[in-house]
Amino acid sequence: FIISRDNAKNTMYLQMNSLKLEDTAVYYCAASPTD
């Protein structure tokens, strides 16, 4: 998997490759005000 973000678009991405059966799930994005 590769996570990325485009702050100009205020958007985050998750590129998922070589997916496995165990990757089946509900995927959630989240944000934290801390570094």
PDB file of all heavy atoms in Angstrom:
ATOM      1  N   PHE A   1       0.833  -1.195   0.000  1.00  0.00           N
ATOM      2  CA  PHE A   1       0.000   0.000   0.000  1.00  0.00           C
ATOM      3  C   PHE A   1       0.872   1.251   0.000  1.00  0.00           C
ATOM      4  O   PHE A   1       1.982   1.255   0.542  1.00  0.00           O
ATOM      5  CB  PHE A   1      -0.905   0.040   1.233  1.00  0.00           C
ATOM      6  CG  PHE A   1      -2.007  -0.982   1.249  1.00  0.00           C
ATOM      7  CD1 PHE A   1      -2.064  -2.014   0.328  1.00  0.00           C
ATOM      8  CD2 PHE A   1      -2.997  -0.907   2.215  1.00  0.00           C
ATOM      9  CE1 PHE A   1      -3.078  -2.958   0.356  1.00  0.00           C
ATOM     10  CE2 PHE A   1      -4.018  -1.842   2.258  1.00  0.00           C
ATOM     11  CZ  PHE A   1      -4.058  -2.862   1.335  1.00  0.00           C
ATOM     12  N   ILE A   2       0.353   2.319  -0.579  1.00  0.00           N
ATOM     13  CA  ILE A   2       1.032   3.608  -0.592  1.00  0.00           C
ATOM     14  C   ILE A   2       0.054   4.691  -0.169  1.00  0.00           C
ATOM     15  O   ILE A   2      -0.988   4.870  -0.802  1.00  0.00           O
ATOM     16  CB  ILE A   2       1.598   3.942  -1.982  1.00  0.00           C
ATOM     17  CG1 ILE A   2       2.571   2.852  -2.454  1.00  0.00           C
ATOM     18  CG2 ILE A   2       2.299   5.301  -1.952  1.00  0.00           C
ATOM     19  CD1 ILE A   2       3.013   3.003  -3.892  1.00  0.00           C
ATOM     20  N   ILE A   3       0.399   5.421   0.888  1.00  0.00           N
ATOM     21  CA  ILE A   3      -0.416   6.533   1.335  1.00  0.00           C
ATOM     22  C   ILE A   3       0.179   7.830   0.802  1.00  0.00           C
ATOM     23  O   ILE A   3       1.400   7.989   0.742  1.00  0.00           O
ATOM     24  CB  ILE A   3      -0.520   6.562   2.880  1.00  0.00           C
ATOM     25  CG1 ILE A   3      -1.518   7.629   3.343  1.00  0.00           C
ATOM     26  CG2 ILE A   3       0.843   6.762   3.519  1.00  0.00           C
ATOM     27  CD1 ILE A   3      -1.803   7.574   4.847  1.00  0.00           C
ATOM     28  N   SER A   4      -0.671   8.748   0.404  1.00  0.00           N
ATOM     29  CA  SER A   4      -0.211  10.032  -0.096  1.00  0.00           C
ATOM     30  C   SER A   4      -1.268  11.089   0.202  1.00  0.00           C
ATOM     31  O   SER A   4      -2.397  10.769   0.582  1.00  0.00           O
ATOM     32  CB  SER A   4       0.088   9.965  -1.599  1.00  0.00           C
ATOM     33  OG  SER A   4      -1.077   9.648  -2.335  1.00  0.00           O
ATOM     34  N   ARG A   5      -0.892  12.343   0.032  1.00  0.00           N
ATOM     35  CA  ARG A   5      -1.854  13.420   0.230  1.00  0.00           C
ATOM     36  C   ARG A   5      -1.535  14.573  -0.704  1.00  0.00           C
ATOM     37  O   ARG A   5      -0.388  14.787  -1.090  1.00  0.00           O
ATOM     38  CB  ARG A   5      -1.862  13.901   1.689  1.00  0.00           C
ATOM     39  CG  ARG A   5      -0.578  14.579   2.145  1.00  0.00           C
ATOM     40  CD  ARG A   5      -0.546  14.761   3.655  1.00  0.00           C
ATOM     41  NE  ARG A   5      -1.602  15.652   4.120  1.00  0.00           N
ATOM     42  CZ  ARG A   5      -1.918  15.821   5.402  1.00  0.00           C
ATOM     43  NH1 ARG A   5      -1.265  15.140   6.341  1.00  0.00           N
ATOM     44  NH2 ARG A   5      -2.892  16.662   5.740  1.00  0.00           N
ATOM     45  N   ASP A   6      -2.563  15.306  -1.049  1.00  0.00           N
ATOM     46  CA  ASP A   6      -2.438  16.497  -1.865  1.00  0.00           C
ATOM     47  C   ASP A   6      -3.116  17.610  -1.083  1.00  0.00           C
ATOM     48  O   ASP A   6      -4.342  17.750  -1.122  1.00  0.00           O
ATOM     49  CB  ASP A   6      -3.086  16.299  -3.229  1.00  0.00           C
ATOM     50  CG  ASP A   6      -2.861  17.469  -4.164  1.00  0.00           C
ATOM     51  OD1 ASP A   6      -2.535  18.575  -3.694  1.00  0.00           O
ATOM     52  OD2 ASP A   6      -3.011  17.284  -5.391  1.00  0.00           O
ATOM     53  N   ASN A   7      -2.319  18.375  -0.355  1.00  0.00           N
ATOM     54  CA  ASN A   7      -2.896  19.397   0.510  1.00  0.00           C
ATOM     55  C   ASN A   7      -3.576  20.515  -0.273  1.00  0.00           C
ATOM     56  O   ASN A   7      -4.503  21.151   0.228  1.00  0.00           O
ATOM     57  CB  ASN A   7      -1.820  19.972   1.428  1.00  0.00           C
ATOM     58  CG  ASN A   7      -1.437  19.020   2.534  1.00  0.00           C
ATOM     59  OD1 ASN A   7      -2.189  18.109   2.876  1.00  0.00           O
ATOM     60  ND2 ASN A   7      -0.259  19.217   3.110  1.00  0.00           N
ATOM     61  N   ALA A   8      -3.132  20.758  -1.492  1.00  0.00           N
ATOM     62  CA  ALA A   8      -3.783  21.760  -2.323  1.00  0.00           C
ATOM     63  C   ALA A   8      -5.216  21.363  -2.642  1.00  0.00           C
ATOM     64  O   ALA A   8      -6.084  22.215  -2.816  1.00  0.00           O
ATOM     65  CB  ALA A   8      -2.993  21.983  -3.608  1.00  0.00           C
ATOM     66  N   LYS A   9      -5.467  20.053  -2.719  1.00  0.00           N
ATOM     67  CA  LYS A   9      -6.805  19.537  -2.976  1.00  0.00           C
ATOM     68  C   LYS A   9      -7.512  19.094  -1.710  1.00  0.00           C
ATOM     69  O   LYS A   9      -8.662  18.650  -1.767  1.00  0.00           O
ATOM     70  CB  LYS A   9      -6.740  18.368  -3.953  1.00  0.00           C
ATOM     71  CG  LYS A   9      -6.220  18.740  -5.331  1.00  0.00           C
ATOM     72  CD  LYS A   9      -6.213  17.533  -6.251  1.00  0.00           C
ATOM     73  CE  LYS A   9      -5.731  17.904  -7.633  1.00  0.00           C
ATOM     74  NZ  LYS A   9      -5.703  16.726  -8.544  1.00  0.00           N
ATOM     75  N   ASN A  10      -6.807  19.184  -0.578  1.00  0.00           N
ATOM     76  CA  ASN A  10      -7.367  18.772   0.706  1.00  0.00           C
ATOM     77  C   ASN A  10      -7.851  17.321   0.642  1.00  0.00           C
ATOM     78  O   ASN A  10      -8.928  16.976   1.137  1.00  0.00           O
ATOM     79  CB  ASN A  10      -8.521  19.690   1.120  1.00  0.00           C
ATOM     80  CG  ASN A  10      -8.561  19.968   2.604  1.00  0.00           C
ATOM     81  OD1 ASN A  10      -7.604  19.725   3.339  1.00  0.00           O
ATOM     82  ND2 ASN A  10      -9.695  20.496   3.074  1.00  0.00           N
ATOM     83  N   THR A  11      -7.023  16.483   0.043  1.00  0.00           N
ATOM     84  CA  THR A  11      -7.390  15.099  -0.210  1.00  0.00           C
ATOM     85  C   THR A  11      -6.238  14.163   0.129  1.00  0.00           C
ATOM     86  O   THR A  11      -5.072  14.489  -0.098  1.00  0.00           O
ATOM     87  CB  THR A  11      -7.796  14.905  -1.679  1.00  0.00           C
ATOM     88  OG1 THR A  11      -8.872  15.796  -1.996  1.00  0.00           O
ATOM     89  CG2 THR A  11      -8.264  13.482  -1.930  1.00  0.00           C
ATOM     90  N   MET A  12      -6.580  13.009   0.670  1.00  0.00           N
ATOM     91  CA  MET A  12      -5.615  11.963   0.966  1.00  0.00           C
ATOM     92  C   MET A  12      -5.980  10.725   0.166  1.00  0.00           C
ATOM     93  O   MET A  12      -7.150  10.499  -0.152  1.00  0.00           O
ATOM     94  CB  MET A  12      -5.624  11.649   2.465  1.00  0.00           C
ATOM     95  CG  MET A  12      -4.650  10.555   2.875  1.00  0.00           C
ATOM     96  SD  MET A  12      -4.662  10.218   4.663  1.00  0.00           S
ATOM     97  CE  MET A  12      -6.342   9.632   4.906  1.00  0.00           C
ATOM     98  N   TYR A  13      -4.978   9.902  -0.122  1.00  0.00           N
ATOM     99  CA  TYR A  13      -5.191   8.727  -0.951  1.00  0.00           C
ATOM    100  C   TYR A  13      -4.556   7.495  -0.327  1.00  0.00           C
ATOM    101  O   TYR A  13      -3.614   7.578   0.456  1.00  0.00           O
ATOM    102  CB  TYR A  13      -4.582   8.927  -2.340  1.00  0.00           C
ATOM    103  CG  TYR A  13      -5.035  10.181  -3.032  1.00  0.00           C
ATOM    104  CD1 TYR A  13      -4.278  11.346  -2.941  1.00  0.00           C
ATOM    105  CD2 TYR A  13      -6.207  10.204  -3.778  1.00  0.00           C
ATOM    106  CE1 TYR A  13      -4.688  12.505  -3.579  1.00  0.00           C
ATOM    107  CE2 TYR A  13      -6.618  11.357  -4.412  1.00  0.00           C
ATOM    108  CZ  TYR A  13      -5.863  12.500  -4.314  1.00  0.00           C
ATOM    109  OH  TYR A  13      -6.273  13.651  -4.950  1.00  0.00           O
ATOM    110  N   LEU A  14      -5.070   6.343  -0.712  1.00  0.00           N
ATOM    111  CA  LEU A  14      -4.455   5.077  -0.362  1.00  0.00           C
ATOM    112  C   LEU A  14      -4.449   4.202  -1.598  1.00  0.00           C
ATOM    113  O   LEU A  14      -5.504   3.737  -2.039  1.00  0.00           O
ATOM    114  CB  LEU A  14      -5.197   4.380   0.778  1.00  0.00           C
ATOM    115  CG  LEU A  14      -4.565   3.070   1.253  1.00  0.00           C
ATOM    116  CD1 LEU A  14      -3.217   3.349   1.930  1.00  0.00           C
ATOM    117  CD2 LEU A  14      -5.493   2.327   2.209  1.00  0.00           C
ATOM    118  N   GLN A  15      -3.275   4.008  -2.170  1.00  0.00           N
ATOM    119  CA  GLN A  15      -3.120   3.104  -3.292  1.00  0.00           C
ATOM    120  C   GLN A  15      -2.868   1.713  -2.747  1.00  0.00           C
ATOM    121  O   GLN A  15      -1.899   1.487  -2.032  1.00  0.00           O
ATOM    122  CB  GLN A  15      -1.953   3.547  -4.181  1.00  0.00           C
ATOM    123  CG  GLN A  15      -1.659   2.602  -5.337  1.00  0.00           C
ATOM    124  CD  GLN A  15      -2.775   2.559  -6.350  1.00  0.00           C
ATOM    125  OE1 GLN A  15      -3.233   3.606  -6.814  1.00  0.00           O
ATOM    126  NE2 GLN A  15      -3.227   1.360  -6.695  1.00  0.00           N
ATOM    127  N   MET A  16      -3.737   0.782  -3.083  1.00  0.00           N
ATOM    128  CA  MET A  16      -3.652  -0.572  -2.580  1.00  0.00           C
ATOM    129  C   MET A  16      -3.271  -1.503  -3.722  1.00  0.00           C
ATOM    130  O   MET A  16      -3.984  -1.592  -4.724  1.00  0.00           O
ATOM    131  CB  MET A  16      -4.975  -1.010  -1.959  1.00  0.00           C
ATOM    132  CG  MET A  16      -5.471  -0.079  -0.858  1.00  0.00           C
ATOM    133  SD  MET A  16      -6.999  -0.662  -0.078  1.00  0.00           S
ATOM    134  CE  MET A  16      -8.128  -0.505  -1.462  1.00  0.00           C
ATOM    135  N   ASN A  17      -2.158  -2.178  -3.572  1.00  0.00           N
ATOM    136  CA  ASN A  17      -1.672  -3.102  -4.579  1.00  0.00           C
ATOM    137  C   ASN A  17      -1.555  -4.503  -3.994  1.00  0.00           C
ATOM    138  O   ASN A  17      -1.498  -4.684  -2.786  1.00  0.00           O
ATOM    139  CB  ASN A  17      -0.305  -2.654  -5.103  1.00  0.00           C
ATOM    140  CG  ASN A  17      -0.328  -1.269  -5.701  1.00  0.00           C
ATOM    141  OD1 ASN A  17      -1.185  -0.945  -6.518  1.00  0.00           O
ATOM    142  ND2 ASN A  17       0.641  -0.436  -5.310  1.00  0.00           N
ATOM    143  N   SER A  18      -1.488  -5.485  -4.876  1.00  0.00           N
ATOM    144  CA  SER A  18      -1.334  -6.883  -4.464  1.00  0.00           C
ATOM    145  C   SER A  18      -2.311  -7.246  -3.363  1.00  0.00           C
ATOM    146  O   SER A  18      -1.952  -7.818  -2.334  1.00  0.00           O
ATOM    147  CB  SER A  18       0.110  -7.141  -4.011  1.00  0.00           C
ATOM    148  OG  SER A  18       1.027  -6.861  -5.046  1.00  0.00           O
ATOM    149  N   LEU A  19      -3.564  -6.926  -3.576  1.00  0.00           N
ATOM    150  CA  LEU A  19      -4.576  -7.115  -2.550  1.00  0.00           C
ATOM    151  C   LEU A  19      -4.773  -8.585  -2.206  1.00  0.00           C
ATOM    152  O   LEU A  19      -4.725  -9.453  -3.072  1.00  0.00           O
ATOM    153  CB  LEU A  19      -5.892  -6.496  -2.991  1.00  0.00           C
ATOM    154  CG  LEU A  19      -5.934  -4.968  -2.877  1.00  0.00           C
ATOM    155  CD1 LEU A  19      -7.066  -4.395  -3.721  1.00  0.00           C
ATOM    156  CD2 LEU A  19      -6.086  -4.559  -1.414  1.00  0.00           C
ATOM    157  N   LYS A  20      -5.008  -8.824  -0.931  1.00  0.00           N
ATOM    158  CA  LYS A  20      -5.232 -10.154  -0.405  1.00  0.00           C
ATOM    159  C   LYS A  20      -6.638 -10.250   0.171  1.00  0.00           C
ATOM    160  O   LYS A  20      -7.257  -9.236   0.489  1.00  0.00           O
ATOM    161  CB  LYS A  20      -4.213 -10.476   0.687  1.00  0.00           C
ATOM    162  CG  LYS A  20      -2.763 -10.346   0.256  1.00  0.00           C
ATOM    163  CD  LYS A  20      -1.829 -10.566   1.431  1.00  0.00           C
ATOM    164  CE  LYS A  20      -0.382 -10.439   1.017  1.00  0.00           C
ATOM    165  NZ  LYS A  20       0.536 -10.653   2.169  1.00  0.00           N
ATOM    166  N   LEU A  21      -7.126 -11.469   0.330  1.00  0.00           N
ATOM    167  CA  LEU A  21      -8.451 -11.668   0.892  1.00  0.00           C
ATOM    168  C   LEU A  21      -8.578 -11.006   2.258  1.00  0.00           C
ATOM    169  O   LEU A  21      -9.635 -10.450   2.592  1.00  0.00           O
ATOM    170  CB  LEU A  21      -8.779 -13.151   0.994  1.00  0.00           C
ATOM    171  CG  LEU A  21      -8.943 -13.907  -0.326  1.00  0.00           C
ATOM    172  CD1 LEU A  21      -9.202 -15.380  -0.055  1.00  0.00           C
ATOM    173  CD2 LEU A  21     -10.079 -13.321  -1.150  1.00  0.00           C
ATOM    174  N   GLU A  22      -7.528 -11.049   3.044  1.00  0.00           N
ATOM    175  CA  GLU A  22      -7.569 -10.485   4.384  1.00  0.00           C
ATOM    176  C   GLU A  22      -7.580  -8.963   4.408  1.00  0.00           C
ATOM    177  O   GLU A  22      -7.707  -8.358   5.473  1.00  0.00           O
ATOM    178  CB  GLU A  22      -6.403 -11.013   5.232  1.00  0.00           C
ATOM    179  CG  GLU A  22      -5.044 -10.843   4.584  1.00  0.00           C
ATOM    180  CD  GLU A  22      -4.577 -12.096   3.870  1.00  0.00           C
ATOM    181  OE1 GLU A  22      -5.399 -12.743   3.191  1.00  0.00           O
ATOM    182  OE2 GLU A  22      -3.377 -12.439   3.999  1.00  0.00           O
ATOM    183  N   ASP A  23      -7.449  -8.333   3.242  1.00  0.00           N
ATOM    184  CA  ASP A  23      -7.578  -6.883   3.163  1.00  0.00           C
ATOM    185  C   ASP A  23      -9.037  -6.439   3.128  1.00  0.00           C
ATOM    186  O   ASP A  23      -9.311  -5.237   3.193  1.00  0.00           O
ATOM    187  CB  ASP A  23      -6.858  -6.345   1.929  1.00  0.00           C
ATOM    188  CG  ASP A  23      -5.354  -6.513   2.002  1.00  0.00           C
ATOM    189  OD1 ASP A  23      -4.780  -6.319   3.093  1.00  0.00           O
ATOM    190  OD2 ASP A  23      -4.748  -6.839   0.961  1.00  0.00           O
ATOM    191  N   THR A  24      -9.945  -7.376   2.998  1.00  0.00           N
ATOM    192  CA  THR A  24     -11.366  -7.045   2.976  1.00  0.00           C
ATOM    193  C   THR A  24     -11.771  -6.376   4.284  1.00  0.00           C
ATOM    194  O   THR A  24     -11.573  -6.928   5.362  1.00  0.00           O
ATOM    195  CB  THR A  24     -12.207  -8.304   2.749  1.00  0.00           C
ATOM    196  OG1 THR A  24     -11.938  -8.830   1.452  1.00  0.00           O
ATOM    197  CG2 THR A  24     -13.695  -7.988   2.853  1.00  0.00           C
ATOM    198  N   ALA A  25     -12.329  -5.182   4.187  1.00  0.00           N
ATOM    199  CA  ALA A  25     -12.701  -4.416   5.372  1.00  0.00           C
ATOM    200  C   ALA A  25     -13.369  -3.120   4.937  1.00  0.00           C
ATOM    201  O   ALA A  25     -13.353  -2.761   3.762  1.00  0.00           O
ATOM    202  CB  ALA A  25     -11.469  -4.094   6.225  1.00  0.00           C
ATOM    203  N   VAL A  26     -13.935  -2.426   5.914  1.00  0.00           N
ATOM    204  CA  VAL A  26     -14.342  -1.051   5.707  1.00  0.00           C
ATOM    205  C   VAL A  26     -13.136  -0.179   6.012  1.00  0.00           C
ATOM    206  O   VAL A  26     -12.540  -0.286   7.082  1.00  0.00           O
ATOM    207  CB  VAL A  26     -15.527  -0.657   6.606  1.00  0.00           C
ATOM    208  CG1 VAL A  26     -15.876   0.812   6.422  1.00  0.00           C
ATOM    209  CG2 VAL A  26     -16.739  -1.523   6.288  1.00  0.00           C
ATOM    210  N   TYR A  27     -12.780   0.669   5.086  1.00  0.00           N
ATOM    211  CA  TYR A  27     -11.616   1.529   5.241  1.00  0.00           C
ATOM    212  C   TYR A  27     -12.048   2.938   5.617  1.00  0.00           C
ATOM    213  O   TYR A  27     -12.930   3.517   4.985  1.00  0.00           O
ATOM    214  CB  TYR A  27     -10.797   1.558   3.948  1.00  0.00           C
ATOM    215  CG  TYR A  27      -9.973   0.316   3.762  1.00  0.00           C
ATOM    216  CD1 TYR A  27     -10.578  -0.889   3.421  1.00  0.00           C
ATOM    217  CD2 TYR A  27      -8.590   0.339   3.946  1.00  0.00           C
ATOM    218  CE1 TYR A  27      -9.823  -2.045   3.279  1.00  0.00           C
ATOM    219  CE2 TYR A  27      -7.829  -0.813   3.795  1.00  0.00           C
ATOM    220  CZ  TYR A  27      -8.455  -2.002   3.462  1.00  0.00           C
ATOM    221  OH  TYR A  27      -7.707  -3.147   3.316  1.00  0.00           O
ATOM    222  N   TYR A  28     -11.417   3.477   6.651  1.00  0.00           N
ATOM    223  CA  TYR A  28     -11.738   4.795   7.172  1.00  0.00           C
ATOM    224  C   TYR A  28     -10.528   5.720   7.075  1.00  0.00           C
ATOM    225  O   TYR A  28      -9.405   5.302   7.332  1.00  0.00           O
ATOM    226  CB  TYR A  28     -12.136   4.721   8.649  1.00  0.00           C
ATOM    227  CG  TYR A  28     -13.335   3.856   8.947  1.00  0.00           C
ATOM    228  CD1 TYR A  28     -13.192   2.498   9.205  1.00  0.00           C
ATOM    229  CD2 TYR A  28     -14.611   4.407   8.987  1.00  0.00           C
ATOM    230  CE1 TYR A  28     -14.289   1.699   9.489  1.00  0.00           C
ATOM    231  CE2 TYR A  28     -15.713   3.621   9.273  1.00  0.00           C
ATOM    232  CZ  TYR A  28     -15.546   2.269   9.525  1.00  0.00           C
ATOM    233  OH  TYR A  28     -16.641   1.489   9.815  1.00  0.00           O
ATOM    234  N   CYS A  29     -10.766   6.966   6.747  1.00  0.00           N
ATOM    235  CA  CYS A  29      -9.709   7.956   6.859  1.00  0.00           C
ATOM    236  C   CYS A  29      -9.908   8.756   8.135  1.00  0.00           C
ATOM    237  O   CYS A  29     -11.024   8.884   8.639  1.00  0.00           O
ATOM    238  CB  CYS A  29      -9.639   8.875   5.634  1.00  0.00           C
ATOM    239  SG  CYS A  29     -11.095   9.904   5.342  1.00  0.00           S
ATOM    240  N   ALA A  30      -8.823   9.271   8.672  1.00  0.00           N
ATOM    241  CA  ALA A  30      -8.863  10.001   9.924  1.00  0.00           C
ATOM    242  C   ALA A  30      -7.801  11.086   9.927  1.00  0.00           C
ATOM    243  O   ALA A  30      -6.793  10.987   9.223  1.00  0.00           O
ATOM    244  CB  ALA A  30      -8.639   9.042  11.101  1.00  0.00           C
ATOM    245  N   ALA A  31      -8.024  12.113  10.731  1.00  0.00           N
ATOM    246  CA  ALA A  31      -7.089  13.226  10.843  1.00  0.00           C
ATOM    247  C   ALA A  31      -6.845  13.561  12.303  1.00  0.00           C
ATOM    248  O   ALA A  31      -7.767  13.518  13.118  1.00  0.00           O
ATOM    249  CB  ALA A  31      -7.619  14.450  10.102  1.00  0.00           C
ATOM    250  N   SER A  32      -5.606  13.900  12.607  1.00  0.00           N
ATOM    251  CA  SER A  32      -5.202  14.272  13.959  1.00  0.00           C
ATOM    252  C   SER A  32      -4.539  15.636  13.943  1.00  0.00           C
ATOM    253  O   SER A  32      -3.718  15.913  13.071  1.00  0.00           O
ATOM    254  CB  SER A  32      -4.234  13.230  14.521  1.00  0.00           C
ATOM    255  OG  SER A  32      -3.678  13.664  15.749  1.00  0.00           O
ATOM    256  N   PRO A  33      -4.843  16.501  14.911  1.00  0.00           N
ATOM    257  CA  PRO A  33      -4.213  17.822  14.957  1.00  0.00           C
ATOM    258  C   PRO A  33      -2.775  17.799  15.439  1.00  0.00           C
ATOM    259  O   PRO A  33      -2.124  18.838  15.458  1.00  0.00           O
ATOM    260  CB  PRO A  33      -5.103  18.589  15.938  1.00  0.00           C
ATOM    261  CG  PRO A  33      -5.634  17.539  16.849  1.00  0.00           C
ATOM    262  CD  PRO A  33      -5.838  16.332  15.975  1.00  0.00           C
ATOM    263  N   THR A  34      -2.267  16.653  15.824  1.00  0.00           N
ATOM    264  CA  THR A  34      -0.909  16.537  16.314  1.00  0.00           C
ATOM    265  C   THR A  34       0.017  16.014  15.230  1.00  0.00           C
ATOM    266  O   THR A  34      -0.410  15.328  14.298  1.00  0.00           O
ATOM    267  CB  THR A  34      -0.834  15.605  17.534  1.00  0.00           C
ATOM    268  OG1 THR A  34      -1.394  14.331  17.206  1.00  0.00           O
ATOM    269  CG2 THR A  34      -1.611  16.201  18.696  1.00  0.00           C
ATOM    270  N   ASP A  35       1.305  16.343  15.370  1.00  0.00           N
ATOM    271  CA  ASP A  35       2.312  15.879  14.426  1.00  0.00           C
ATOM    272  C   ASP A  35       2.778  14.509  14.899  1.00  0.00           C
ATOM    273  O   ASP A  35       3.710  14.394  15.695  1.00  0.00           O
ATOM    274  CB  ASP A  35       3.458  16.877  14.362  1.00  0.00           C
ATOM    275  CG  ASP A  35       4.431  16.580  13.237  1.00  0.00           C
ATOM    276  OD1 ASP A  35       4.166  15.660  12.437  1.00  0.00           O
ATOM    277  OD2 ASP A  35       5.464  17.270  13.154  1.00  0.00           O
TER     278      ASP A  35
END
